PDB file of all heavy atoms in Angstrom:
ATOM      1  N   VAL A   1       2.686  12.439  11.987  1.00  0.00           N
ATOM      2  CA  VAL A   1       1.918  11.826  10.919  1.00  0.00           C
ATOM      3  C   VAL A   1       1.163  10.647  11.523  1.00  0.00           C
ATOM      4  O   VAL A   1       1.767   9.792  12.175  1.00  0.00           O
ATOM      5  CB  VAL A   1       2.808  11.363   9.756  1.00  0.00           C
ATOM      6  CG1 VAL A   1       1.972  10.659   8.689  1.00  0.00           C
ATOM      7  CG2 VAL A   1       3.547  12.548   9.151  1.00  0.00           C
ATOM      8  N   TYR A   2      -0.136  10.612  11.307  1.00  0.00           N
ATOM      9  CA  TYR A   2      -0.988   9.574  11.868  1.00  0.00           C
ATOM     10  C   TYR A   2      -1.371   8.574  10.785  1.00  0.00           C
ATOM     11  O   TYR A   2      -1.760   8.951   9.679  1.00  0.00           O
ATOM     12  CB  TYR A   2      -2.244  10.190  12.481  1.00  0.00           C
ATOM     13  CG  TYR A   2      -1.972  10.871  13.799  1.00  0.00           C
ATOM     14  CD1 TYR A   2      -1.269  12.059  13.848  1.00  0.00           C
ATOM     15  CD2 TYR A   2      -2.397  10.304  15.005  1.00  0.00           C
ATOM     16  CE1 TYR A   2      -0.989  12.678  15.059  1.00  0.00           C
ATOM     17  CE2 TYR A   2      -2.131  10.914  16.215  1.00  0.00           C
ATOM     18  CZ  TYR A   2      -1.428  12.101  16.241  1.00  0.00           C
ATOM     19  OH  TYR A   2      -1.163  12.713  17.446  1.00  0.00           O
ATOM     20  N   TYR A   3      -1.271   7.290  11.129  1.00  0.00           N
ATOM     21  CA  TYR A   3      -1.559   6.202  10.210  1.00  0.00           C
ATOM     22  C   TYR A   3      -2.630   5.282  10.785  1.00  0.00           C
ATOM     23  O   TYR A   3      -2.607   4.973  11.977  1.00  0.00           O
ATOM     24  CB  TYR A   3      -0.312   5.344   9.961  1.00  0.00           C
ATOM     25  CG  TYR A   3       0.855   6.066   9.352  1.00  0.00           C
ATOM     26  CD1 TYR A   3       1.772   6.739  10.148  1.00  0.00           C
ATOM     27  CD2 TYR A   3       1.059   6.046   7.977  1.00  0.00           C
ATOM     28  CE1 TYR A   3       2.858   7.391   9.589  1.00  0.00           C
ATOM     29  CE2 TYR A   3       2.142   6.692   7.414  1.00  0.00           C
ATOM     30  CZ  TYR A   3       3.033   7.361   8.226  1.00  0.00           C
ATOM     31  OH  TYR A   3       4.114   7.997   7.662  1.00  0.00           O
ATOM     32  N   CYS A   4      -3.532   4.810   9.949  1.00  0.00           N
ATOM     33  CA  CYS A   4      -4.403   3.722  10.359  1.00  0.00           C
ATOM     34  C   CYS A   4      -3.841   2.414   9.822  1.00  0.00           C
ATOM     35  O   CYS A   4      -3.112   2.391   8.825  1.00  0.00           O
ATOM     36  CB  CYS A   4      -5.848   3.924   9.907  1.00  0.00           C
ATOM     37  SG  CYS A   4      -6.124   3.865   8.130  1.00  0.00           S
ATOM     38  N   ALA A   5      -4.161   1.328  10.505  1.00  0.00           N
ATOM     39  CA  ALA A   5      -3.624   0.029  10.143  1.00  0.00           C
ATOM     40  C   ALA A   5      -4.645  -1.054  10.443  1.00  0.00           C
ATOM     41  O   ALA A   5      -5.450  -0.925  11.362  1.00  0.00           O
ATOM     42  CB  ALA A   5      -2.326  -0.246  10.909  1.00  0.00           C
ATOM     43  N   ALA A   6      -4.590  -2.126   9.671  1.00  0.00           N
ATOM     44  CA  ALA A   6      -5.488  -3.264   9.825  1.00  0.00           C
ATOM     45  C   ALA A   6      -4.697  -4.520  10.118  1.00  0.00           C
ATOM     46  O   ALA A   6      -3.652  -4.766   9.505  1.00  0.00           O
ATOM     47  CB  ALA A   6      -6.324  -3.451   8.565  1.00  0.00           C
ATOM     48  N   LYS A   7      -5.200  -5.311  11.036  1.00  0.00           N
ATOM     49  CA  LYS A   7      -4.593  -6.575  11.432  1.00  0.00           C
ATOM     50  C   LYS A   7      -5.601  -7.678  11.220  1.00  0.00           C
ATOM     51  O   LYS A   7      -6.720  -7.601  11.743  1.00  0.00           O
ATOM     52  CB  LYS A   7      -4.168  -6.513  12.896  1.00  0.00           C
ATOM     53  CG  LYS A   7      -3.683  -7.834  13.482  1.00  0.00           C
ATOM     54  CD  LYS A   7      -3.369  -7.687  14.964  1.00  0.00           C
ATOM     55  CE  LYS A   7      -2.998  -9.025  15.580  1.00  0.00           C
ATOM     56  NZ  LYS A   7      -4.177  -9.938  15.594  1.00  0.00           N
ATOM     57  N   THR A   8      -5.235  -8.693  10.482  1.00  0.00           N
ATOM     58  CA  THR A   8      -6.131  -9.807  10.221  1.00  0.00           C
ATOM     59  C   THR A   8      -6.491 -10.518  11.520  1.00  0.00           C
ATOM     60  O   THR A   8      -5.618 -10.847  12.320  1.00  0.00           O
ATOM     61  CB  THR A   8      -5.485 -10.801   9.248  1.00  0.00           C
ATOM     62  OG1 THR A   8      -5.146 -10.120   8.033  1.00  0.00           O
ATOM     63  CG2 THR A   8      -6.428 -11.943   8.930  1.00  0.00           C
ATOM     64  N   GLY A   9      -7.777 -10.712  11.736  1.00  0.00           N
ATOM     65  CA  GLY A   9      -8.238 -11.392  12.933  1.00  0.00           C
ATOM     66  C   GLY A   9      -8.941 -10.456  13.892  1.00  0.00           C
ATOM     67  O   GLY A   9      -8.947  -9.234  13.722  1.00  0.00           O
ATOM     68  N   ALA A  10      -9.508 -11.023  14.934  1.00  0.00           N
ATOM     69  CA  ALA A  10     -10.362 -10.274  15.842  1.00  0.00           C
ATOM     70  C   ALA A  10      -9.595  -9.475  16.882  1.00  0.00           C
ATOM     71  O   ALA A  10     -10.072  -8.418  17.317  1.00  0.00           O
ATOM     72  CB  ALA A  10     -11.339 -11.218  16.545  1.00  0.00           C
ATOM     73  N   PHE A  11      -8.424  -9.961  17.294  1.00  0.00           N
ATOM     74  CA  PHE A  11      -7.724  -9.367  18.422  1.00  0.00           C
ATOM     75  C   PHE A  11      -6.788  -8.268  17.978  1.00  0.00           C
ATOM     76  O   PHE A  11      -6.020  -8.424  17.027  1.00  0.00           O
ATOM     77  CB  PHE A  11      -6.962 -10.437  19.202  1.00  0.00           C
ATOM     78  CG  PHE A  11      -7.850 -11.446  19.871  1.00  0.00           C
ATOM     79  CD1 PHE A  11      -7.933 -12.737  19.397  1.00  0.00           C
ATOM     80  CD2 PHE A  11      -8.604 -11.087  20.970  1.00  0.00           C
ATOM     81  CE1 PHE A  11      -8.750 -13.662  20.006  1.00  0.00           C
ATOM     82  CE2 PHE A  11      -9.432 -12.008  21.593  1.00  0.00           C
ATOM     83  CZ  PHE A  11      -9.507 -13.298  21.108  1.00  0.00           C
ATOM     84  N   ALA A  12      -6.819  -7.160  18.704  1.00  0.00           N
ATOM     85  CA  ALA A  12      -5.970  -6.018  18.408  1.00  0.00           C
ATOM     86  C   ALA A  12      -4.587  -6.191  19.015  1.00  0.00           C
ATOM     87  O   ALA A  12      -4.379  -6.976  19.936  1.00  0.00           O
ATOM     88  CB  ALA A  12      -6.620  -4.747  18.940  1.00  0.00           C
ATOM     89  N   SER A  13      -3.631  -5.420  18.491  1.00  0.00           N
ATOM     90  CA  SER A  13      -2.255  -5.477  18.957  1.00  0.00           C
ATOM     91  C   SER A  13      -1.632  -4.101  18.875  1.00  0.00           C
ATOM     92  O   SER A  13      -1.919  -3.331  17.955  1.00  0.00           O
ATOM     93  CB  SER A  13      -1.444  -6.462  18.111  1.00  0.00           C
ATOM     94  OG  SER A  13      -0.072  -6.407  18.440  1.00  0.00           O
ATOM     95  N   VAL A  14      -0.742  -3.798  19.823  1.00  0.00           N
ATOM     96  CA  VAL A  14      -0.021  -2.529  19.806  1.00  0.00           C
ATOM     97  C   VAL A  14       1.215  -2.580  18.922  1.00  0.00           C
ATOM     98  O   VAL A  14       1.842  -1.545  18.680  1.00  0.00           O
ATOM     99  CB  VAL A  14       0.393  -2.086  21.225  1.00  0.00           C
ATOM    100  CG1 VAL A  14      -0.822  -1.975  22.129  1.00  0.00           C
ATOM    101  CG2 VAL A  14       1.417  -3.054  21.820  1.00  0.00           C
ATOM    102  N   ALA A  15       1.585  -3.746  18.432  1.00  0.00           N
ATOM    103  CA  ALA A  15       2.802  -3.913  17.650  1.00  0.00           C
ATOM    104  C   ALA A  15       2.553  -3.556  16.194  1.00  0.00           C
ATOM    105  O   ALA A  15       1.702  -4.159  15.533  1.00  0.00           O
ATOM    106  CB  ALA A  15       3.319  -5.338  17.763  1.00  0.00           C
ATOM    107  N   ALA A  16       3.313  -2.604  15.681  1.00  0.00           N
ATOM    108  CA  ALA A  16       3.177  -2.232  14.283  1.00  0.00           C
ATOM    109  C   ALA A  16       3.411  -3.422  13.362  1.00  0.00           C
ATOM    110  O   ALA A  16       2.740  -3.570  12.339  1.00  0.00           O
ATOM    111  CB  ALA A  16       4.145  -1.097  13.951  1.00  0.00           C
ATOM    112  N   SER A  17       4.349  -4.288  13.735  1.00  0.00           N
ATOM    113  CA  SER A  17       4.697  -5.420  12.893  1.00  0.00           C
ATOM    114  C   SER A  17       3.581  -6.449  12.777  1.00  0.00           C
ATOM    115  O   SER A  17       3.634  -7.302  11.888  1.00  0.00           O
ATOM    116  CB  SER A  17       5.965  -6.099  13.422  1.00  0.00           C
ATOM    117  OG  SER A  17       5.763  -6.591  14.736  1.00  0.00           O
ATOM    118  N   SER A  18       2.596  -6.387  13.642  1.00  0.00           N
ATOM    119  CA  SER A  18       1.470  -7.315  13.583  1.00  0.00           C
ATOM    120  C   SER A  18       0.425  -6.920  12.545  1.00  0.00           C
ATOM    121  O   SER A  18      -0.489  -7.698  12.275  1.00  0.00           O
ATOM    122  CB  SER A  18       0.790  -7.415  14.949  1.00  0.00           C
ATOM    123  OG  SER A  18       1.657  -7.986  15.916  1.00  0.00           O
ATOM    124  N   HIS A  19       0.557  -5.749  11.969  1.00  0.00           N
ATOM    125  CA  HIS A  19      -0.460  -5.232  11.064  1.00  0.00           C
ATOM    126  C   HIS A  19      -0.113  -5.492   9.606  1.00  0.00           C
ATOM    127  O   HIS A  19       1.054  -5.405   9.207  1.00  0.00           O
ATOM    128  CB  HIS A  19      -0.678  -3.743  11.327  1.00  0.00           C
ATOM    129  CG  HIS A  19      -1.301  -3.502  12.665  1.00  0.00           C
ATOM    130  ND1 HIS A  19      -0.575  -3.542  13.829  1.00  0.00           N
ATOM    131  CD2 HIS A  19      -2.584  -3.263  13.020  1.00  0.00           C
ATOM    132  CE1 HIS A  19      -1.388  -3.331  14.855  1.00  0.00           C
ATOM    133  NE2 HIS A  19      -2.615  -3.163  14.389  1.00  0.00           N
ATOM    134  N   ASP A  20      -1.133  -5.823   8.848  1.00  0.00           N
ATOM    135  CA  ASP A  20      -0.960  -6.288   7.484  1.00  0.00           C
ATOM    136  C   ASP A  20      -1.166  -5.205   6.432  1.00  0.00           C
ATOM    137  O   ASP A  20      -0.614  -5.300   5.330  1.00  0.00           O
ATOM    138  CB  ASP A  20      -1.928  -7.440   7.208  1.00  0.00           C
ATOM    139  CG  ASP A  20      -1.765  -8.576   8.190  1.00  0.00           C
ATOM    140  OD1 ASP A  20      -0.649  -9.131   8.275  1.00  0.00           O
ATOM    141  OD2 ASP A  20      -2.750  -8.911   8.884  1.00  0.00           O
ATOM    142  N   PHE A  21      -1.953  -4.184   6.755  1.00  0.00           N
ATOM    143  CA  PHE A  21      -2.283  -3.146   5.790  1.00  0.00           C
ATOM    144  C   PHE A  21      -2.211  -1.788   6.452  1.00  0.00           C
ATOM    145  O   PHE A  21      -2.603  -1.630   7.614  1.00  0.00           O
ATOM    146  CB  PHE A  21      -3.691  -3.368   5.207  1.00  0.00           C
ATOM    147  CG  PHE A  21      -3.884  -4.731   4.629  1.00  0.00           C
ATOM    148  CD1 PHE A  21      -4.537  -5.714   5.346  1.00  0.00           C
ATOM    149  CD2 PHE A  21      -3.403  -5.037   3.367  1.00  0.00           C
ATOM    150  CE1 PHE A  21      -4.709  -6.987   4.821  1.00  0.00           C
ATOM    151  CE2 PHE A  21      -3.562  -6.303   2.829  1.00  0.00           C
ATOM    152  CZ  PHE A  21      -4.219  -7.279   3.559  1.00  0.00           C
ATOM    153  N   TRP A  22      -1.737  -0.810   5.691  1.00  0.00           N
ATOM    154  CA  TRP A  22      -1.512   0.532   6.214  1.00  0.00           C
ATOM    155  C   TRP A  22      -2.049   1.592   5.267  1.00  0.00           C
ATOM    156  O   TRP A  22      -2.012   1.433   4.050  1.00  0.00           O
ATOM    157  CB  TRP A  22      -0.017   0.790   6.421  1.00  0.00           C
ATOM    158  CG  TRP A  22       0.586  -0.044   7.494  1.00  0.00           C
ATOM    159  CD1 TRP A  22       1.043  -1.324   7.387  1.00  0.00           C
ATOM    160  CD2 TRP A  22       0.799   0.340   8.854  1.00  0.00           C
ATOM    161  NE1 TRP A  22       1.525  -1.761   8.597  1.00  0.00           N
ATOM    162  CE2 TRP A  22       1.392  -0.761   9.512  1.00  0.00           C
ATOM    163  CE3 TRP A  22       0.556   1.510   9.571  1.00  0.00           C
ATOM    164  CZ2 TRP A  22       1.731  -0.726  10.860  1.00  0.00           C
ATOM    165  CZ3 TRP A  22       0.896   1.546  10.908  1.00  0.00           C
ATOM    166  CH2 TRP A  22       1.477   0.442  11.538  1.00  0.00           C
ATOM    167  N   GLY A  23      -2.528   2.689   5.854  1.00  0.00           N
ATOM    168  CA  GLY A  23      -2.875   3.848   5.068  1.00  0.00           C
ATOM    169  C   GLY A  23      -1.649   4.674   4.744  1.00  0.00           C
ATOM    170  O   GLY A  23      -0.523   4.359   5.143  1.00  0.00           O
ATOM    171  N   GLN A  24      -1.857   5.758   4.004  1.00  0.00           N
ATOM    172  CA  GLN A  24      -0.751   6.595   3.550  1.00  0.00           C
ATOM    173  C   GLN A  24      -0.305   7.617   4.589  1.00  0.00           C
ATOM    174  O   GLN A  24       0.768   8.209   4.441  1.00  0.00           O
ATOM    175  CB  GLN A  24      -1.144   7.324   2.255  1.00  0.00           C
ATOM    176  CG  GLN A  24      -1.941   8.614   2.439  1.00  0.00           C
ATOM    177  CD  GLN A  24      -3.387   8.398   2.868  1.00  0.00           C
ATOM    178  OE1 GLN A  24      -3.883   7.281   2.927  1.00  0.00           O
ATOM    179  NE2 GLN A  24      -4.075   9.499   3.167  1.00  0.00           N
ATOM    180  N   GLY A  25      -1.092   7.827   5.612  1.00  0.00           N
ATOM    181  CA  GLY A  25      -0.774   8.775   6.657  1.00  0.00           C
ATOM    182  C   GLY A  25      -1.397  10.137   6.425  1.00  0.00           C
ATOM    183  O   GLY A  25      -1.615  10.558   5.292  1.00  0.00           O
ATOM    184  N   THR A  26      -1.677  10.836   7.519  1.00  0.00           N
ATOM    185  CA  THR A  26      -2.194  12.194   7.455  1.00  0.00           C
ATOM    186  C   THR A  26      -1.513  13.034   8.529  1.00  0.00           C
ATOM    187  O   THR A  26      -1.348  12.600   9.663  1.00  0.00           O
ATOM    188  CB  THR A  26      -3.729  12.219   7.602  1.00  0.00           C
ATOM    189  OG1 THR A  26      -4.216  13.549   7.396  1.00  0.00           O
ATOM    190  CG2 THR A  26      -4.183  11.718   8.966  1.00  0.00           C
ATOM    191  N   GLN A  27      -1.097  14.242   8.161  1.00  0.00           N
ATOM    192  CA  GLN A  27      -0.334  15.098   9.061  1.00  0.00           C
ATOM    193  C   GLN A  27      -1.255  15.816  10.040  1.00  0.00           C
ATOM    194  O   GLN A  27      -2.272  16.399   9.649  1.00  0.00           O
ATOM    195  CB  GLN A  27       0.463  16.132   8.262  1.00  0.00           C
ATOM    196  CG  GLN A  27       1.230  17.135   9.118  1.00  0.00           C
ATOM    197  CD  GLN A  27       2.421  16.534   9.818  1.00  0.00           C
ATOM    198  OE1 GLN A  27       3.193  15.800   9.204  1.00  0.00           O
ATOM    199  NE2 GLN A  27       2.568  16.821  11.109  1.00  0.00           N
ATOM    200  N   VAL A  28      -0.878  15.787  11.313  1.00  0.00           N
ATOM    201  CA  VAL A  28      -1.531  16.575  12.353  1.00  0.00           C
ATOM    202  C   VAL A  28      -0.483  17.494  12.958  1.00  0.00           C
ATOM    203  O   VAL A  28       0.561  17.029  13.418  1.00  0.00           O
ATOM    204  CB  VAL A  28      -2.152  15.684  13.442  1.00  0.00           C
ATOM    205  CG1 VAL A  28      -2.641  16.529  14.621  1.00  0.00           C
ATOM    206  CG2 VAL A  28      -3.288  14.861  12.858  1.00  0.00           C
ATOM    207  N   THR A  29      -0.754  18.795  12.950  1.00  0.00           N
ATOM    208  CA  THR A  29       0.162  19.780  13.506  1.00  0.00           C
ATOM    209  C   THR A  29      -0.575  20.618  14.538  1.00  0.00           C
ATOM    210  O   THR A  29      -1.631  21.185  14.238  1.00  0.00           O
ATOM    211  CB  THR A  29       0.731  20.684  12.406  1.00  0.00           C
ATOM    212  OG1 THR A  29       1.405  19.891  11.434  1.00  0.00           O
ATOM    213  CG2 THR A  29       1.709  21.691  12.997  1.00  0.00           C
TER     214      THR A  29
END
């Protein structure tokens, strides 16, 4: 299941916990 996420601010992060908003997910098989 693939999710998009948004993190406040300009710099990206690999940490899921750094992200403030998440989509519902979409299945890839």
